[in-house]
């Protein structure tokens, strides 16, 4: 099984194309359908000058129904938390 998200999605689209990947209020999407949408987005980003490996940010507006917080003393035991650099693991 691939370790990168894009590689994993491509694997599922190749070997289990009709399996449901996403269920939402709009309906269901198979892995093949999702992979097709991901590839179209990737090509669009490339045309804008964004290349594989470039860091980008996406603002997503989703209504939050319930928020929960948990106090955490230390993230140092995790690869991305060492040094307090958040999700990227880089300063």
N, C-alpha and C. Protein backbone atom coordinates (compact mmCIF):
# COMPACT_ATOMS: atom_id res chain seq x y z
N UNK A 1 0.85 -1.19 0.00
CA UNK A 1 0.00 0.00 0.00
C UNK A 1 0.89 1.24 0.00
N UNK A 2 0.64 2.20 -0.89
CA UNK A 2 1.42 3.42 -0.95
C UNK A 2 1.29 4.26 0.33
N UNK A 3 2.33 5.05 0.60
CA UNK A 3 2.31 5.86 1.83
C UNK A 3 1.83 7.28 1.59
N UNK A 4 1.92 7.80 0.36
CA UNK A 4 1.46 9.16 0.09
C UNK A 4 -0.01 9.13 -0.30
N UNK A 5 -0.74 10.17 0.09
CA UNK A 5 -2.18 10.20 -0.13
C UNK A 5 -2.54 10.07 -1.62
N UNK A 6 -1.86 10.82 -2.49
CA UNK A 6 -2.16 10.75 -3.92
C UNK A 6 -1.88 9.38 -4.49
N UNK A 7 -0.79 8.77 -4.05
CA UNK A 7 -0.46 7.42 -4.52
C UNK A 7 -1.48 6.40 -4.04
N UNK A 8 -1.94 6.58 -2.81
CA UNK A 8 -2.96 5.66 -2.27
C UNK A 8 -4.27 5.81 -3.04
N UNK A 9 -4.66 7.03 -3.33
CA UNK A 9 -5.89 7.25 -4.08
C UNK A 9 -5.78 6.63 -5.47
N UNK A 10 -4.64 6.81 -6.13
CA UNK A 10 -4.43 6.21 -7.45
C UNK A 10 -4.50 4.68 -7.36
N UNK A 11 -3.93 4.11 -6.29
CA UNK A 11 -3.97 2.66 -6.10
C UNK A 11 -5.41 2.17 -5.99
N UNK A 12 -6.20 2.85 -5.12
CA UNK A 12 -7.61 2.45 -4.97
C UNK A 12 -8.38 2.63 -6.27
N UNK A 13 -8.12 3.70 -7.01
CA UNK A 13 -8.81 3.94 -8.29
C UNK A 13 -8.46 2.87 -9.30
N UNK A 14 -7.24 2.37 -9.24
CA UNK A 14 -6.79 1.33 -10.18
C UNK A 14 -7.34 -0.04 -9.82
N UNK A 15 -7.25 -0.40 -8.54
CA UNK A 15 -7.59 -1.77 -8.13
C UNK A 15 -9.01 -1.95 -7.60
N UNK A 16 -9.65 -0.86 -7.18
CA UNK A 16 -11.04 -0.95 -6.70
C UNK A 16 -11.84 0.24 -7.24
N UNK A 17 -11.89 0.42 -8.55
CA UNK A 17 -12.46 1.63 -9.14
C UNK A 17 -13.94 1.87 -8.82
N UNK A 18 -14.71 0.84 -8.62
CA UNK A 18 -16.14 1.02 -8.39
C UNK A 18 -16.51 1.11 -6.91
N UNK A 19 -15.53 0.91 -6.03
CA UNK A 19 -15.79 1.00 -4.59
C UNK A 19 -16.07 2.45 -4.21
N UNK A 20 -17.03 2.65 -3.32
CA UNK A 20 -17.39 4.00 -2.88
C UNK A 20 -16.25 4.61 -2.07
N UNK A 21 -15.84 5.80 -2.49
CA UNK A 21 -14.77 6.53 -1.80
C UNK A 21 -15.33 7.62 -0.91
N UNK A 22 -16.41 8.27 -1.36
CA UNK A 22 -16.99 9.41 -0.63
C UNK A 22 -18.51 9.27 -0.61
N UNK A 23 -19.08 9.51 0.55
CA UNK A 23 -20.54 9.60 0.68
C UNK A 23 -20.83 10.96 1.28
N UNK A 24 -21.65 11.75 0.58
CA UNK A 24 -21.99 13.08 1.08
C UNK A 24 -23.46 13.34 0.82
N UNK A 25 -23.91 14.52 1.19
CA UNK A 25 -25.30 14.89 0.96
C UNK A 25 -25.62 14.92 -0.53
N UNK A 26 -24.60 15.17 -1.35
CA UNK A 26 -24.79 15.21 -2.81
C UNK A 26 -24.83 13.83 -3.44
N UNK A 27 -24.43 12.81 -2.71
CA UNK A 27 -24.43 11.46 -3.26
C UNK A 27 -23.12 10.74 -3.00
N UNK A 28 -22.87 9.70 -3.77
CA UNK A 28 -21.66 8.90 -3.61
C UNK A 28 -20.73 9.08 -4.81
N UNK A 29 -19.43 8.90 -4.55
CA UNK A 29 -18.44 8.90 -5.61
C UNK A 29 -17.54 7.69 -5.45
N UNK A 30 -17.25 7.04 -6.56
CA UNK A 30 -16.34 5.90 -6.53
C UNK A 30 -14.90 6.42 -6.51
N UNK A 31 -13.96 5.50 -6.27
CA UNK A 31 -12.55 5.89 -6.30
C UNK A 31 -12.15 6.36 -7.70
N UNK A 32 -12.68 5.72 -8.74
CA UNK A 32 -12.36 6.15 -10.11
C UNK A 32 -12.87 7.57 -10.37
N UNK A 33 -14.08 7.88 -9.92
CA UNK A 33 -14.63 9.22 -10.10
C UNK A 33 -13.82 10.25 -9.31
N UNK A 34 -13.47 9.91 -8.09
CA UNK A 34 -12.69 10.82 -7.26
C UNK A 34 -11.31 11.07 -7.87
N UNK A 35 -10.66 10.00 -8.34
CA UNK A 35 -9.34 10.14 -8.97
C UNK A 35 -9.41 11.04 -10.20
N UNK A 36 -10.48 10.91 -10.97
CA UNK A 36 -10.67 11.76 -12.15
C UNK A 36 -10.76 13.23 -11.74
N UNK A 37 -11.50 13.52 -10.69
CA UNK A 37 -11.62 14.90 -10.21
C UNK A 37 -10.29 15.43 -9.68
N UNK A 38 -9.55 14.58 -8.98
CA UNK A 38 -8.24 14.97 -8.45
C UNK A 38 -7.29 15.29 -9.60
N UNK A 39 -7.28 14.47 -10.64
CA UNK A 39 -6.39 14.71 -11.79
C UNK A 39 -6.75 16.01 -12.50
N UNK A 40 -8.06 16.29 -12.66
CA UNK A 40 -8.46 17.56 -13.29
C UNK A 40 -7.99 18.74 -12.46
N UNK A 41 -8.12 18.66 -11.14
CA UNK A 41 -7.65 19.73 -10.27
C UNK A 41 -6.14 19.88 -10.37
N UNK A 42 -5.41 18.77 -10.38
CA UNK A 42 -3.95 18.83 -10.49
C UNK A 42 -3.52 19.51 -11.79
N UNK A 43 -4.17 19.17 -12.89
CA UNK A 43 -3.83 19.79 -14.17
C UNK A 43 -4.15 21.28 -14.16
N UNK A 44 -5.25 21.66 -13.53
CA UNK A 44 -5.61 23.08 -13.42
C UNK A 44 -4.57 23.84 -12.61
N UNK A 45 -4.12 23.25 -11.51
CA UNK A 45 -3.10 23.90 -10.68
C UNK A 45 -1.78 24.03 -11.43
N UNK A 46 -1.43 23.01 -12.21
CA UNK A 46 -0.20 23.07 -13.00
C UNK A 46 -0.26 24.22 -14.01
N UNK A 47 -1.42 24.39 -14.65
CA UNK A 47 -1.57 25.50 -15.60
C UNK A 47 -1.43 26.85 -14.91
N UNK A 48 -1.71 26.92 -13.62
CA UNK A 48 -1.56 28.16 -12.85
C UNK A 48 -0.13 28.35 -12.34
N UNK A 49 0.75 27.39 -12.62
CA UNK A 49 2.14 27.51 -12.19
C UNK A 49 2.45 26.82 -10.88
N UNK A 50 1.51 26.05 -10.36
CA UNK A 50 1.72 25.31 -9.12
C UNK A 50 2.15 23.90 -9.50
N UNK A 51 3.30 23.47 -9.00
CA UNK A 51 3.89 22.19 -9.39
C UNK A 51 3.86 21.19 -8.24
N UNK A 52 3.99 19.89 -8.56
CA UNK A 52 4.06 18.88 -7.50
C UNK A 52 5.14 19.24 -6.49
N UNK A 53 4.79 19.15 -5.22
CA UNK A 53 5.72 19.49 -4.14
C UNK A 53 5.57 20.90 -3.63
N UNK A 54 4.93 21.79 -4.41
CA UNK A 54 4.69 23.15 -3.93
C UNK A 54 3.68 23.11 -2.79
N UNK A 55 3.88 23.99 -1.82
CA UNK A 55 2.93 24.08 -0.71
C UNK A 55 1.86 25.09 -1.06
N UNK A 56 0.61 24.70 -0.85
CA UNK A 56 -0.51 25.60 -1.10
C UNK A 56 -1.42 25.56 0.12
N UNK A 57 -2.29 26.53 0.22
CA UNK A 57 -3.28 26.55 1.30
C UNK A 57 -4.66 26.61 0.67
N UNK A 58 -5.61 26.02 1.32
CA UNK A 58 -6.98 26.04 0.83
C UNK A 58 -7.87 26.46 1.99
N UNK A 59 -8.69 27.46 1.75
CA UNK A 59 -9.64 27.89 2.76
C UNK A 59 -10.96 27.16 2.51
N UNK A 60 -11.41 26.44 3.49
CA UNK A 60 -12.65 25.68 3.37
C UNK A 60 -13.66 26.23 4.36
N UNK A 61 -14.82 26.55 3.86
CA UNK A 61 -15.88 27.04 4.73
C UNK A 61 -16.90 25.92 4.93
N UNK A 62 -16.91 25.38 6.11
CA UNK A 62 -17.82 24.30 6.44
C UNK A 62 -18.50 24.66 7.76
N UNK A 63 -19.81 24.58 7.81
CA UNK A 63 -20.46 24.87 9.09
C UNK A 63 -20.05 23.84 10.14
N UNK A 64 -19.73 24.34 11.32
CA UNK A 64 -19.33 23.47 12.42
C UNK A 64 -20.54 23.27 13.32
N UNK A 65 -20.95 22.03 13.44
CA UNK A 65 -22.13 21.72 14.24
C UNK A 65 -21.77 21.61 15.71
N UNK A 66 -20.66 20.97 16.00
CA UNK A 66 -20.24 20.80 17.38
C UNK A 66 -18.72 20.88 17.44
N UNK A 67 -18.22 21.69 18.34
CA UNK A 67 -16.77 21.85 18.49
C UNK A 67 -16.34 21.23 19.80
N UNK A 68 -15.26 20.50 19.76
CA UNK A 68 -14.70 19.91 20.97
C UNK A 68 -13.22 20.21 21.05
N UNK A 69 -12.73 20.45 22.23
CA UNK A 69 -11.31 20.72 22.44
C UNK A 69 -10.75 19.76 23.46
N UNK A 70 -9.50 19.42 23.27
CA UNK A 70 -8.82 18.54 24.20
C UNK A 70 -7.48 19.16 24.54
N UNK A 71 -7.18 19.25 25.82
CA UNK A 71 -5.90 19.81 26.25
C UNK A 71 -4.82 18.78 26.02
N UNK A 72 -3.77 19.20 25.33
CA UNK A 72 -2.64 18.33 25.03
C UNK A 72 -1.39 19.03 25.54
N UNK A 73 -0.62 18.32 26.32
CA UNK A 73 0.58 18.90 26.91
C UNK A 73 1.75 18.95 25.95
N UNK A 74 1.88 17.94 25.07
CA UNK A 74 3.09 17.83 24.26
C UNK A 74 2.83 17.02 23.00
N UNK A 75 3.33 17.50 21.87
CA UNK A 75 3.24 16.77 20.60
C UNK A 75 4.57 16.18 20.19
N UNK A 76 5.59 16.27 21.02
CA UNK A 76 6.93 15.89 20.61
C UNK A 76 7.07 14.42 20.21
N UNK A 77 6.17 13.58 20.64
CA UNK A 77 6.26 12.16 20.30
C UNK A 77 5.79 11.88 18.87
N UNK A 78 5.24 12.89 18.20
CA UNK A 78 4.76 12.69 16.84
C UNK A 78 5.73 13.32 15.84
N UNK A 79 5.84 12.75 14.64
CA UNK A 79 6.77 13.31 13.65
C UNK A 79 6.47 14.76 13.29
N UNK A 80 5.21 15.11 13.22
CA UNK A 80 4.85 16.47 12.82
C UNK A 80 4.80 17.43 13.99
N UNK A 81 4.78 16.91 15.20
CA UNK A 81 4.69 17.80 16.35
C UNK A 81 6.02 18.18 16.94
N UNK A 82 7.07 17.47 16.59
CA UNK A 82 8.38 17.76 17.16
C UNK A 82 8.78 19.18 16.82
N UNK A 83 9.09 19.98 17.83
CA UNK A 83 9.49 21.36 17.61
C UNK A 83 8.31 22.31 17.51
N UNK A 84 7.10 21.79 17.59
CA UNK A 84 5.92 22.64 17.57
C UNK A 84 5.64 23.28 16.22
N UNK A 85 5.93 22.59 15.12
CA UNK A 85 5.76 23.19 13.81
C UNK A 85 4.42 22.84 13.14
N UNK A 86 3.48 22.36 13.88
CA UNK A 86 2.16 22.12 13.33
C UNK A 86 2.09 20.98 12.34
N UNK A 87 1.14 21.08 11.40
CA UNK A 87 0.88 19.95 10.51
C UNK A 87 1.97 19.71 9.49
N UNK A 88 2.75 20.72 9.15
CA UNK A 88 3.76 20.53 8.11
C UNK A 88 5.04 19.90 8.65
N UNK A 89 5.33 20.08 9.92
CA UNK A 89 6.57 19.59 10.48
C UNK A 89 7.76 20.46 10.15
N UNK A 90 7.51 21.61 9.53
CA UNK A 90 8.58 22.53 9.15
C UNK A 90 8.33 23.91 9.73
N UNK A 91 9.40 24.62 10.03
CA UNK A 91 9.23 25.98 10.53
C UNK A 91 9.15 26.95 9.37
